[in-house]
Full PDB file with SEQRES, HELIX, SHEET, SSBOND, CRYST1, ORIGX, SCALE, CONECT and MASTER records, all heavy atoms in Angstrom:
SEQRES   1 A   35  PRO ASN ILE GLY ARG MET VAL GLU ASP MET GLU PHE LYS          
SEQRES   2 A   35  MET ARG ASN LEU LEU GLN GLU VAL TYR PHE GLY LYS THR          
SEQRES   3 A   35  LYS ASP ILE VAL ASN ASP LEU ARG SER                          
HELIX    1 AA1 ASN A    2  LEU A   17  1                                  16    
HELIX    2 AA2 LEU A   18  PHE A   23  3                                   6    
HELIX    3 AA3 GLY A   24  LEU A   33  1                                  10    
CRYST1    1.000    1.000    1.000  90.00  90.00  90.00 P 1           1          
ORIGX1      1.000000  0.000000  0.000000        0.00000                         
ORIGX2      0.000000  1.000000  0.000000        0.00000                         
ORIGX3      0.000000  0.000000  1.000000        0.00000                         
SCALE1      1.000000  0.000000  0.000000        0.00000                         
SCALE2      0.000000  1.000000  0.000000        0.00000                         
SCALE3      0.000000  0.000000  1.000000        0.00000                         
ATOM      1  N   PRO A   1       1.748 -12.196 -32.859  1.00  0.00           N  
ATOM      2  CA  PRO A   1       1.861 -13.118 -34.009  1.00  0.00           C  
ATOM      3  C   PRO A   1       3.281 -13.609 -34.245  1.00  0.00           C  
ATOM      4  O   PRO A   1       3.469 -14.745 -34.711  1.00  0.00           O  
ATOM      5  CB  PRO A   1       1.346 -12.285 -35.185  1.00  0.00           C  
ATOM      6  CG  PRO A   1       1.402 -10.871 -34.739  1.00  0.00           C  
ATOM      7  CD  PRO A   1       1.206 -10.891 -33.270  1.00  0.00           C  
ATOM      8  N   ASN A   2       4.292 -12.797 -33.938  1.00  0.00           N  
ATOM      9  CA  ASN A   2       5.674 -13.257 -34.092  1.00  0.00           C  
ATOM     10  C   ASN A   2       5.953 -14.445 -33.174  1.00  0.00           C  
ATOM     11  O   ASN A   2       6.507 -15.475 -33.596  1.00  0.00           O  
ATOM     12  CB  ASN A   2       6.647 -12.126 -33.771  1.00  0.00           C  
ATOM     13  CG  ASN A   2       6.701 -11.073 -34.866  1.00  0.00           C  
ATOM     14  OD1 ASN A   2       6.201 -11.280 -35.969  1.00  0.00           O  
ATOM     15  ND2 ASN A   2       7.298  -9.933 -34.571  1.00  0.00           N  
ATOM     16  N   ILE A   3       5.577 -14.301 -31.912  1.00  0.00           N  
ATOM     17  CA  ILE A   3       5.789 -15.384 -30.944  1.00  0.00           C  
ATOM     18  C   ILE A   3       4.928 -16.588 -31.315  1.00  0.00           C  
ATOM     19  O   ILE A   3       5.371 -17.746 -31.234  1.00  0.00           O  
ATOM     20  CB  ILE A   3       5.459 -14.896 -29.519  1.00  0.00           C  
ATOM     21  CG1 ILE A   3       6.425 -13.775 -29.112  1.00  0.00           C  
ATOM     22  CG2 ILE A   3       5.517 -16.045 -28.516  1.00  0.00           C  
ATOM     23  CD1 ILE A   3       6.007 -13.033 -27.858  1.00  0.00           C  
ATOM     24  N   GLY A   4       3.701 -16.318 -31.764  1.00  0.00           N  
ATOM     25  CA  GLY A   4       2.798 -17.397 -32.131  1.00  0.00           C  
ATOM     26  C   GLY A   4       3.339 -18.250 -33.269  1.00  0.00           C  
ATOM     27  O   GLY A   4       3.271 -19.481 -33.222  1.00  0.00           O  
ATOM     28  N   ARG A   5       3.890 -17.601 -34.306  1.00  0.00           N  
ATOM     29  CA  ARG A   5       4.439 -18.356 -35.434  1.00  0.00           C  
ATOM     30  C   ARG A   5       5.649 -19.173 -35.017  1.00  0.00           C  
ATOM     31  O   ARG A   5       5.831 -20.316 -35.473  1.00  0.00           O  
ATOM     32  CB  ARG A   5       4.813 -17.397 -36.573  1.00  0.00           C  
ATOM     33  CG  ARG A   5       3.618 -16.935 -37.400  1.00  0.00           C  
ATOM     34  CD  ARG A   5       4.080 -16.206 -38.650  1.00  0.00           C  
ATOM     35  NE  ARG A   5       4.761 -14.949 -38.351  1.00  0.00           N  
ATOM     36  CZ  ARG A   5       4.134 -13.779 -38.233  1.00  0.00           C  
ATOM     37  NH1 ARG A   5       2.819 -13.718 -38.419  1.00  0.00           N  
ATOM     38  NH2 ARG A   5       4.809 -12.683 -37.970  1.00  0.00           N  
ATOM     39  N   MET A   6       6.494 -18.611 -34.150  1.00  0.00           N  
ATOM     40  CA  MET A   6       7.665 -19.354 -33.695  1.00  0.00           C  
ATOM     41  C   MET A   6       7.259 -20.591 -32.897  1.00  0.00           C  
ATOM     42  O   MET A   6       7.814 -21.685 -33.093  1.00  0.00           O  
ATOM     43  CB  MET A   6       8.563 -18.450 -32.852  1.00  0.00           C  
ATOM     44  CG  MET A   6       9.258 -17.348 -33.630  1.00  0.00           C  
ATOM     45  SD  MET A   6      10.387 -16.372 -32.598  1.00  0.00           S  
ATOM     46  CE  MET A   6      11.667 -17.572 -32.238  1.00  0.00           C  
ATOM     47  N   VAL A   7       6.292 -20.444 -32.004  1.00  0.00           N  
ATOM     48  CA  VAL A   7       5.822 -21.580 -31.211  1.00  0.00           C  
ATOM     49  C   VAL A   7       5.157 -22.622 -32.104  1.00  0.00           C  
ATOM     50  O   VAL A   7       5.398 -23.832 -31.971  1.00  0.00           O  
ATOM     51  CB  VAL A   7       4.849 -21.102 -30.113  1.00  0.00           C  
ATOM     52  CG1 VAL A   7       4.156 -22.290 -29.445  1.00  0.00           C  
ATOM     53  CG2 VAL A   7       5.589 -20.271 -29.069  1.00  0.00           C  
ATOM     54  N   GLU A   8       4.338 -22.167 -33.047  1.00  0.00           N  
ATOM     55  CA  GLU A   8       3.657 -23.090 -33.961  1.00  0.00           C  
ATOM     56  C   GLU A   8       4.660 -23.881 -34.793  1.00  0.00           C  
ATOM     57  O   GLU A   8       4.542 -25.111 -34.922  1.00  0.00           O  
ATOM     58  CB  GLU A   8       2.723 -22.300 -34.880  1.00  0.00           C  
ATOM     59  CG  GLU A   8       1.933 -23.166 -35.839  1.00  0.00           C  
ATOM     60  CD  GLU A   8       1.046 -22.352 -36.750  1.00  0.00           C  
ATOM     61  OE1 GLU A   8       1.266 -21.125 -36.868  1.00  0.00           O  
ATOM     62  OE2 GLU A   8       0.127 -22.932 -37.355  1.00  0.00           O  
ATOM     63  N   ASP A   9       5.651 -23.197 -35.353  1.00  0.00           N  
ATOM     64  CA  ASP A   9       6.669 -23.886 -36.164  1.00  0.00           C  
ATOM     65  C   ASP A   9       7.469 -24.878 -35.324  1.00  0.00           C  
ATOM     66  O   ASP A   9       7.772 -25.991 -35.773  1.00  0.00           O  
ATOM     67  CB  ASP A   9       7.608 -22.867 -36.812  1.00  0.00           C  
ATOM     68  CG  ASP A   9       6.931 -22.038 -37.876  1.00  0.00           C  
ATOM     69  OD1 ASP A   9       5.837 -22.436 -38.342  1.00  0.00           O  
ATOM     70  OD2 ASP A   9       7.481 -20.970 -38.246  1.00  0.00           O  
ATOM     71  N   MET A  10       7.828 -24.474 -34.111  1.00  0.00           N  
ATOM     72  CA  MET A  10       8.616 -25.351 -33.249  1.00  0.00           C  
ATOM     73  C   MET A  10       7.818 -26.593 -32.855  1.00  0.00           C  
ATOM     74  O   MET A  10       8.348 -27.718 -32.868  1.00  0.00           O  
ATOM     75  CB  MET A  10       9.062 -24.596 -31.999  1.00  0.00           C  
ATOM     76  CG  MET A  10       9.917 -25.419 -31.054  1.00  0.00           C  
ATOM     77  SD  MET A  10      11.496 -25.920 -31.782  1.00  0.00           S  
ATOM     78  CE  MET A  10      12.450 -24.408 -31.525  1.00  0.00           C  
ATOM     79  N   GLU A  11       6.553 -26.433 -32.513  1.00  0.00           N  
ATOM     80  CA  GLU A  11       5.740 -27.591 -32.146  1.00  0.00           C  
ATOM     81  C   GLU A  11       5.569 -28.537 -33.329  1.00  0.00           C  
ATOM     82  O   GLU A  11       5.586 -29.762 -33.171  1.00  0.00           O  
ATOM     83  CB  GLU A  11       4.375 -27.136 -31.620  1.00  0.00           C  
ATOM     84  CG  GLU A  11       4.428 -26.502 -30.250  1.00  0.00           C  
ATOM     85  CD  GLU A  11       3.167 -26.751 -29.452  1.00  0.00           C  
ATOM     86  OE1 GLU A  11       2.084 -26.814 -30.062  1.00  0.00           O  
ATOM     87  OE2 GLU A  11       3.270 -26.894 -28.218  1.00  0.00           O  
ATOM     88  N   PHE A  12       5.403 -27.985 -34.529  1.00  0.00           N  
ATOM     89  CA  PHE A  12       5.270 -28.812 -35.727  1.00  0.00           C  
ATOM     90  C   PHE A  12       6.532 -29.644 -35.948  1.00  0.00           C  
ATOM     91  O   PHE A  12       6.468 -30.850 -36.209  1.00  0.00           O  
ATOM     92  CB  PHE A  12       5.000 -27.920 -36.933  1.00  0.00           C  
ATOM     93  CG  PHE A  12       4.877 -28.671 -38.232  1.00  0.00           C  
ATOM     94  CD1 PHE A  12       3.721 -29.377 -38.536  1.00  0.00           C  
ATOM     95  CD2 PHE A  12       5.921 -28.682 -39.145  1.00  0.00           C  
ATOM     96  CE1 PHE A  12       3.608 -30.076 -39.732  1.00  0.00           C  
ATOM     97  CE2 PHE A  12       5.821 -29.377 -40.343  1.00  0.00           C  
ATOM     98  CZ  PHE A  12       4.657 -30.078 -40.632  1.00  0.00           C  
ATOM     99  N   LYS A  13       7.695 -29.018 -35.823  1.00  0.00           N  
ATOM    100  CA  LYS A  13       8.957 -29.729 -36.020  1.00  0.00           C  
ATOM    101  C   LYS A  13       9.167 -30.804 -34.952  1.00  0.00           C  
ATOM    102  O   LYS A  13       9.616 -31.918 -35.251  1.00  0.00           O  
ATOM    103  CB  LYS A  13      10.123 -28.735 -36.001  1.00  0.00           C  
ATOM    104  CG  LYS A  13      10.143 -27.785 -37.188  1.00  0.00           C  
ATOM    105  CD  LYS A  13      11.258 -26.760 -37.052  1.00  0.00           C  
ATOM    106  CE  LYS A  13      11.243 -25.777 -38.223  1.00  0.00           C  
ATOM    107  NZ  LYS A  13      12.271 -24.719 -38.074  1.00  0.00           N  
ATOM    108  N   MET A  14       8.840 -30.471 -33.718  1.00  0.00           N  
ATOM    109  CA  MET A  14       9.056 -31.428 -32.635  1.00  0.00           C  
ATOM    110  C   MET A  14       8.073 -32.594 -32.710  1.00  0.00           C  
ATOM    111  O   MET A  14       8.436 -33.739 -32.411  1.00  0.00           O  
ATOM    112  CB  MET A  14       8.958 -30.715 -31.278  1.00  0.00           C  
ATOM    113  CG  MET A  14      10.065 -29.684 -31.070  1.00  0.00           C  
ATOM    114  SD  MET A  14       9.957 -28.774 -29.517  1.00  0.00           S  
ATOM    115  CE  MET A  14      10.681 -29.950 -28.377  1.00  0.00           C  
ATOM    116  N   ARG A  15       6.842 -32.339 -33.130  1.00  0.00           N  
ATOM    117  CA  ARG A  15       5.887 -33.436 -33.319  1.00  0.00           C  
ATOM    118  C   ARG A  15       6.369 -34.385 -34.410  1.00  0.00           C  
ATOM    119  O   ARG A  15       6.295 -35.611 -34.263  1.00  0.00           O  
ATOM    120  CB  ARG A  15       4.505 -32.876 -33.678  1.00  0.00           C  
ATOM    121  CG  ARG A  15       3.668 -32.452 -32.489  1.00  0.00           C  
ATOM    122  CD  ARG A  15       2.207 -32.307 -32.872  1.00  0.00           C  
ATOM    123  NE  ARG A  15       2.008 -31.295 -33.898  1.00  0.00           N  
ATOM    124  CZ  ARG A  15       1.725 -30.016 -33.660  1.00  0.00           C  
ATOM    125  NH1 ARG A  15       1.604 -29.609 -32.403  1.00  0.00           N  
ATOM    126  NH2 ARG A  15       1.543 -29.162 -34.645  1.00  0.00           N  
ATOM    127  N   ASN A  16       6.854 -33.817 -35.511  1.00  0.00           N  
ATOM    128  CA  ASN A  16       7.359 -34.660 -36.596  1.00  0.00           C  
ATOM    129  C   ASN A  16       8.573 -35.476 -36.153  1.00  0.00           C  
ATOM    130  O   ASN A  16       8.718 -36.647 -36.506  1.00  0.00           O  
ATOM    131  CB  ASN A  16       7.732 -33.806 -37.807  1.00  0.00           C  
ATOM    132  CG  ASN A  16       6.509 -33.331 -38.566  1.00  0.00           C  
ATOM    133  OD1 ASN A  16       5.412 -33.861 -38.394  1.00  0.00           O  
ATOM    134  ND2 ASN A  16       6.685 -32.323 -39.394  1.00  0.00           N  
ATOM    135  N   LEU A  17       9.453 -34.838 -35.385  1.00  0.00           N  
ATOM    136  CA  LEU A  17      10.641 -35.529 -34.904  1.00  0.00           C  
ATOM    137  C   LEU A  17      10.263 -36.670 -33.969  1.00  0.00           C  
ATOM    138  O   LEU A  17      10.819 -37.772 -34.048  1.00  0.00           O  
ATOM    139  CB  LEU A  17      11.566 -34.539 -34.196  1.00  0.00           C  
ATOM    140  CG  LEU A  17      12.969 -35.030 -33.854  1.00  0.00           C  
ATOM    141  CD1 LEU A  17      13.726 -35.431 -35.113  1.00  0.00           C  
ATOM    142  CD2 LEU A  17      13.746 -33.932 -33.117  1.00  0.00           C  
ATOM    143  N   LEU A  18       9.299 -36.426 -33.091  1.00  0.00           N  
ATOM    144  CA  LEU A  18       8.838 -37.481 -32.189  1.00  0.00           C  
ATOM    145  C   LEU A  18       8.227 -38.640 -32.971  1.00  0.00           C  
ATOM    146  O   LEU A  18       8.494 -39.813 -32.684  1.00  0.00           O  
ATOM    147  CB  LEU A  18       7.796 -36.914 -31.214  1.00  0.00           C  
ATOM    148  CG  LEU A  18       8.324 -36.093 -30.042  1.00  0.00           C  
ATOM    149  CD1 LEU A  18       7.177 -35.356 -29.360  1.00  0.00           C  
ATOM    150  CD2 LEU A  18       9.037 -36.979 -29.035  1.00  0.00           C  
ATOM    151  N   GLN A  19       7.427 -38.315 -33.973  1.00  0.00           N  
ATOM    152  CA  GLN A  19       6.734 -39.347 -34.733  1.00  0.00           C  
ATOM    153  C   GLN A  19       7.686 -40.151 -35.611  1.00  0.00           C  
ATOM    154  O   GLN A  19       7.636 -41.381 -35.633  1.00  0.00           O  
ATOM    155  CB  GLN A  19       5.650 -38.711 -35.599  1.00  0.00           C  
ATOM    156  CG  GLN A  19       4.863 -39.729 -36.430  1.00  0.00           C  
ATOM    157  CD  GLN A  19       3.747 -39.074 -37.214  1.00  0.00           C  
ATOM    158  OE1 GLN A  19       3.405 -37.925 -36.975  1.00  0.00           O  
ATOM    159  NE2 GLN A  19       3.186 -39.801 -38.159  1.00  0.00           N  
ATOM    160  N   GLU A  20       8.566 -39.458 -36.324  1.00  0.00           N  
ATOM    161  CA  GLU A  20       9.406 -40.131 -37.306  1.00  0.00           C  
ATOM    162  C   GLU A  20      10.632 -40.804 -36.680  1.00  0.00           C  
ATOM    163  O   GLU A  20      11.024 -41.889 -37.095  1.00  0.00           O  
ATOM    164  CB  GLU A  20       9.859 -39.133 -38.360  1.00  0.00           C  
ATOM    165  CG  GLU A  20       8.704 -38.557 -39.184  1.00  0.00           C  
ATOM    166  CD  GLU A  20       9.160 -37.462 -40.114  1.00  0.00           C  
ATOM    167  OE1 GLU A  20      10.387 -37.242 -40.203  1.00  0.00           O  
ATOM    168  OE2 GLU A  20       8.311 -36.812 -40.744  1.00  0.00           O  
ATOM    169  N   VAL A  21      11.229 -40.139 -35.715  1.00  0.00           N  
ATOM    170  CA  VAL A  21      12.475 -40.662 -35.141  1.00  0.00           C  
ATOM    171  C   VAL A  21      12.209 -41.494 -33.891  1.00  0.00           C  
ATOM    172  O   VAL A  21      12.540 -42.681 -33.828  1.00  0.00           O  
ATOM    173  CB  VAL A  21      13.456 -39.516 -34.825  1.00  0.00           C  
ATOM    174  CG1 VAL A  21      14.722 -40.076 -34.200  1.00  0.00           C  
ATOM    175  CG2 VAL A  21      13.781 -38.729 -36.091  1.00  0.00           C  
ATOM    176  N   TYR A  22      11.581 -40.897 -32.898  1.00  0.00           N  
ATOM    177  CA  TYR A  22      11.434 -41.577 -31.621  1.00  0.00           C  
ATOM    178  C   TYR A  22      10.449 -42.736 -31.712  1.00  0.00           C  
ATOM    179  O   TYR A  22      10.766 -43.868 -31.361  1.00  0.00           O  
ATOM    180  CB  TYR A  22      11.000 -40.580 -30.539  1.00  0.00           C  
ATOM    181  CG  TYR A  22      12.109 -39.646 -30.125  1.00  0.00           C  
ATOM    182  CD1 TYR A  22      12.490 -38.576 -30.925  1.00  0.00           C  
ATOM    183  CD2 TYR A  22      12.806 -39.851 -28.936  1.00  0.00           C  
ATOM    184  CE1 TYR A  22      13.522 -37.728 -30.563  1.00  0.00           C  
ATOM    185  CE2 TYR A  22      13.842 -39.010 -28.557  1.00  0.00           C  
ATOM    186  CZ  TYR A  22      14.191 -37.948 -29.382  1.00  0.00           C  
ATOM    187  OH  TYR A  22      15.221 -37.121 -29.020  1.00  0.00           O  
ATOM    188  N   PHE A  23       9.226 -42.464 -32.197  1.00  0.00           N  
ATOM    189  CA  PHE A  23       8.243 -43.546 -32.295  1.00  0.00           C  
ATOM    190  C   PHE A  23       8.643 -44.554 -33.363  1.00  0.00           C  
ATOM    191  O   PHE A  23       8.459 -45.756 -33.192  1.00  0.00           O  
ATOM    192  CB  PHE A  23       6.859 -42.975 -32.598  1.00  0.00           C  
ATOM    193  CG  PHE A  23       6.215 -42.313 -31.412  1.00  0.00           C  
ATOM    194  CD1 PHE A  23       6.045 -40.946 -31.382  1.00  0.00           C  
ATOM    195  CD2 PHE A  23       5.801 -43.054 -30.329  1.00  0.00           C  
ATOM    196  CE1 PHE A  23       5.464 -40.327 -30.290  1.00  0.00           C  
ATOM    197  CE2 PHE A  23       5.220 -42.454 -29.236  1.00  0.00           C  
ATOM    198  CZ  PHE A  23       5.049 -41.078 -29.219  1.00  0.00           C  
ATOM    199  N   GLY A  24       9.161 -44.059 -34.501  1.00  0.00           N  
ATOM    200  CA  GLY A  24       9.572 -44.967 -35.561  1.00  0.00           C  
ATOM    201  C   GLY A  24      10.677 -45.900 -35.123  1.00  0.00           C  
ATOM    202  O   GLY A  24      10.634 -47.117 -35.386  1.00  0.00           O  
ATOM    203  N   LYS A  25      11.683 -45.355 -34.435  1.00  0.00           N  
ATOM    204  CA  LYS A  25      12.791 -46.183 -33.966  1.00  0.00           C  
ATOM    205  C   LYS A  25      12.334 -47.177 -32.902  1.00  0.00           C  
ATOM    206  O   LYS A  25      12.739 -48.352 -32.905  1.00  0.00           O  
ATOM    207  CB  LYS A  25      13.900 -45.286 -33.390  1.00  0.00           C  
ATOM    208  CG  LYS A  25      15.196 -46.016 -33.094  1.00  0.00           C  
ATOM    209  CD  LYS A  25      15.822 -46.566 -34.360  1.00  0.00           C  
ATOM    210  CE  LYS A  25      17.170 -47.201 -34.086  1.00  0.00           C  
ATOM    211  NZ  LYS A  25      17.764 -47.794 -35.302  1.00  0.00           N  
ATOM    212  N   THR A  26      11.475 -46.712 -31.998  1.00  0.00           N  
ATOM    213  CA  THR A  26      10.957 -47.606 -30.961  1.00  0.00           C  
ATOM    214  C   THR A  26      10.163 -48.751 -31.578  1.00  0.00           C  
ATOM    215  O   THR A  26      10.273 -49.915 -31.167  1.00  0.00           O  
ATOM    216  CB  THR A  26      10.061 -46.827 -29.984  1.00  0.00           C  
ATOM    217  OG1 THR A  26      10.829 -45.782 -29.378  1.00  0.00           O  
ATOM    218  CG2 THR A  26       9.522 -47.743 -28.896  1.00  0.00           C  
ATOM    219  N   LYS A  27       9.363 -48.441 -32.593  1.00  0.00           N  
ATOM    220  CA  LYS A  27       8.578 -49.474 -33.279  1.00  0.00           C  
ATOM    221  C   LYS A  27       9.488 -50.506 -33.933  1.00  0.00           C  
ATOM    222  O   LYS A  27       9.229 -51.713 -33.856  1.00  0.00           O  
ATOM    223  CB  LYS A  27       7.672 -48.820 -34.325  1.00  0.00           C  
ATOM    224  CG  LYS A  27       6.767 -49.800 -35.055  1.00  0.00           C  
ATOM    225  CD  LYS A  27       5.881 -49.079 -36.050  1.00  0.00           C  
ATOM    226  CE  LYS A  27       4.996 -50.051 -36.805  1.00  0.00           C  
ATOM    227  NZ  LYS A  27       4.139 -49.350 -37.798  1.00  0.00           N  
ATOM    228  N   ASP A  28      10.558 -50.044 -34.602  1.00  0.00           N  
ATOM    229  CA  ASP A  28      11.486 -50.976 -35.248  1.00  0.00           C  
ATOM    230  C   ASP A  28      12.135 -51.903 -34.231  1.00  0.00           C  
ATOM    231  O   ASP A  28      12.263 -53.116 -34.463  1.00  0.00           O  
ATOM    232  CB  ASP A  28      12.567 -50.197 -36.003  1.00  0.00           C  
ATOM    233  CG  ASP A  28      12.010 -49.468 -37.219  1.00  0.00           C  
ATOM    234  OD1 ASP A  28      10.915 -49.835 -37.670  1.00  0.00           O  
ATOM    235  OD2 ASP A  28      12.663 -48.515 -37.682  1.00  0.00           O  
ATOM    236  N   ILE A  29      12.544 -51.336 -33.095  1.00  0.00           N  
ATOM    237  CA  ILE A  29      13.213 -52.141 -32.071  1.00  0.00           C  
ATOM    238  C   ILE A  29      12.255 -53.184 -31.495  1.00  0.00           C  
ATOM    239  O   ILE A  29      12.597 -54.361 -31.341  1.00  0.00           O  
ATOM    240  CB  ILE A  29      13.765 -51.239 -30.954  1.00  0.00           C  
ATOM    241  CG1 ILE A  29      14.904 -50.361 -31.503  1.00  0.00           C  
ATOM    242  CG2 ILE A  29      14.266 -52.070 -29.772  1.00  0.00           C  
ATOM    243  CD1 ILE A  29      15.401 -49.311 -30.533  1.00  0.00           C  
ATOM    244  N   VAL A  30      11.028 -52.737 -31.172  1.00  0.00           N  
ATOM    245  CA  VAL A  30      10.041 -53.658 -30.596  1.00  0.00           C  
ATOM    246  C   VAL A  30       9.708 -54.773 -31.579  1.00  0.00           C  
ATOM    247  O   VAL A  30       9.599 -55.948 -31.211  1.00  0.00           O  
ATOM    248  CB  VAL A  30       8.768 -52.893 -30.183  1.00  0.00           C  
ATOM    249  CG1 VAL A  30       7.656 -53.871 -29.790  1.00  0.00           C  
ATOM    250  CG2 VAL A  30       9.067 -51.956 -29.024  1.00  0.00           C  
ATOM    251  N   ASN A  31       9.540 -54.424 -32.858  1.00  0.00           N  
ATOM    252  CA  ASN A  31       9.211 -55.440 -33.859  1.00  0.00           C  
ATOM    253  C   ASN A  31      10.335 -56.454 -34.027  1.00  0.00           C  
ATOM    254  O   ASN A  31      10.087 -57.628 -34.313  1.00  0.00           O  
ATOM    255  CB  ASN A  31       8.905 -54.778 -35.202  1.00  0.00           C  
ATOM    256  CG  ASN A  31       7.570 -54.054 -35.195  1.00  0.00           C  
ATOM    257  OD1 ASN A  31       6.717 -54.331 -34.354  1.00  0.00           O  
ATOM    258  ND2 ASN A  31       7.379 -53.134 -36.121  1.00  0.00           N  
ATOM    259  N   ASP A  32      11.592 -56.002 -33.876  1.00  0.00           N  
ATOM    260  CA  ASP A  32      12.722 -56.918 -33.986  1.00  0.00           C  
ATOM    261  C   ASP A  32      12.853 -57.826 -32.771  1.00  0.00           C  
ATOM    262  O   ASP A  32      13.274 -58.984 -32.878  1.00  0.00           O  
ATOM    263  CB  ASP A  32      14.024 -56.129 -34.167  1.00  0.00           C  
ATOM    264  CG  ASP A  32      14.126 -55.501 -35.553  1.00  0.00           C  
ATOM    265  OD1 ASP A  32      13.391 -55.955 -36.456  1.00  0.00           O  
ATOM    266  OD2 ASP A  32      14.923 -54.553 -35.724  1.00  0.00           O  
ATOM    267  N   LEU A  33      12.496 -57.302 -31.604  1.00  0.00           N  
ATOM    268  CA  LEU A  33      12.693 -58.056 -30.369  1.00  0.00           C  
ATOM    269  C   LEU A  33      11.517 -58.945 -30.005  1.00  0.00           C  
ATOM    270  O   LEU A  33      11.682 -59.971 -29.356  1.00  0.00           O  
ATOM    271  CB  LEU A  33      12.952 -57.085 -29.207  1.00  0.00           C  
ATOM    272  CG  LEU A  33      14.253 -56.286 -29.263  1.00  0.00           C  
ATOM    273  CD1 LEU A  33      14.321 -55.321 -28.086  1.00  0.00           C  
ATOM    274  CD2 LEU A  33      15.451 -57.221 -29.235  1.00  0.00           C  
ATOM    275  N   ARG A  34      10.311 -58.538 -30.434  1.00  0.00           N  
ATOM    276  CA  ARG A  34       9.138 -59.244 -29.939  1.00  0.00           C  
ATOM    277  C   ARG A  34       8.061 -59.312 -31.003  1.00  0.00           C  
ATOM    278  O   ARG A  34       7.836 -58.352 -31.726  1.00  0.00           O  
ATOM    279  CB  ARG A  34       8.585 -58.517 -28.706  1.00  0.00           C  
ATOM    280  CG  ARG A  34       7.363 -59.174 -28.090  1.00  0.00           C  
ATOM    281  CD  ARG A  34       6.889 -58.377 -26.908  1.00  0.00           C  
ATOM    282  NE  ARG A  34       5.749 -59.003 -26.272  1.00  0.00           N  
ATOM    283  CZ  ARG A  34       5.052 -58.439 -25.280  1.00  0.00           C  
ATOM    284  NH1 ARG A  34       5.403 -57.255 -24.843  1.00  0.00           N  
ATOM    285  NH2 ARG A  34       4.026 -59.072 -24.746  1.00  0.00           N  
ATOM    286  N   SER A  35       7.395 -60.438 -31.065  1.00  0.00           N  
ATOM    287  CA  SER A  35       6.266 -60.618 -31.973  1.00  0.00           C  
ATOM    288  C   SER A  35       4.994 -60.781 -31.152  1.00  0.00           C  
ATOM    289  O   SER A  35       4.970 -61.509 -30.155  1.00  0.00           O  
ATOM    290  CB  SER A  35       6.471 -61.853 -32.855  1.00  0.00           C  
ATOM    291  OG  SER A  35       5.308 -62.118 -33.617  1.00  0.00           O  
TER     292      SER A  35                                                      
MASTER        0    0    0    3    0    0    0    6  291    1    0    3          
END                                                                             
């Protein structure tokens, strides 16, 4: 359970980071460059 909680927390943080930063930034750039 110790390892499980660490992996679960890390995946949650990395999913949020991918969604909010990487995908969000990519979406902003694409919307600015292309319609």
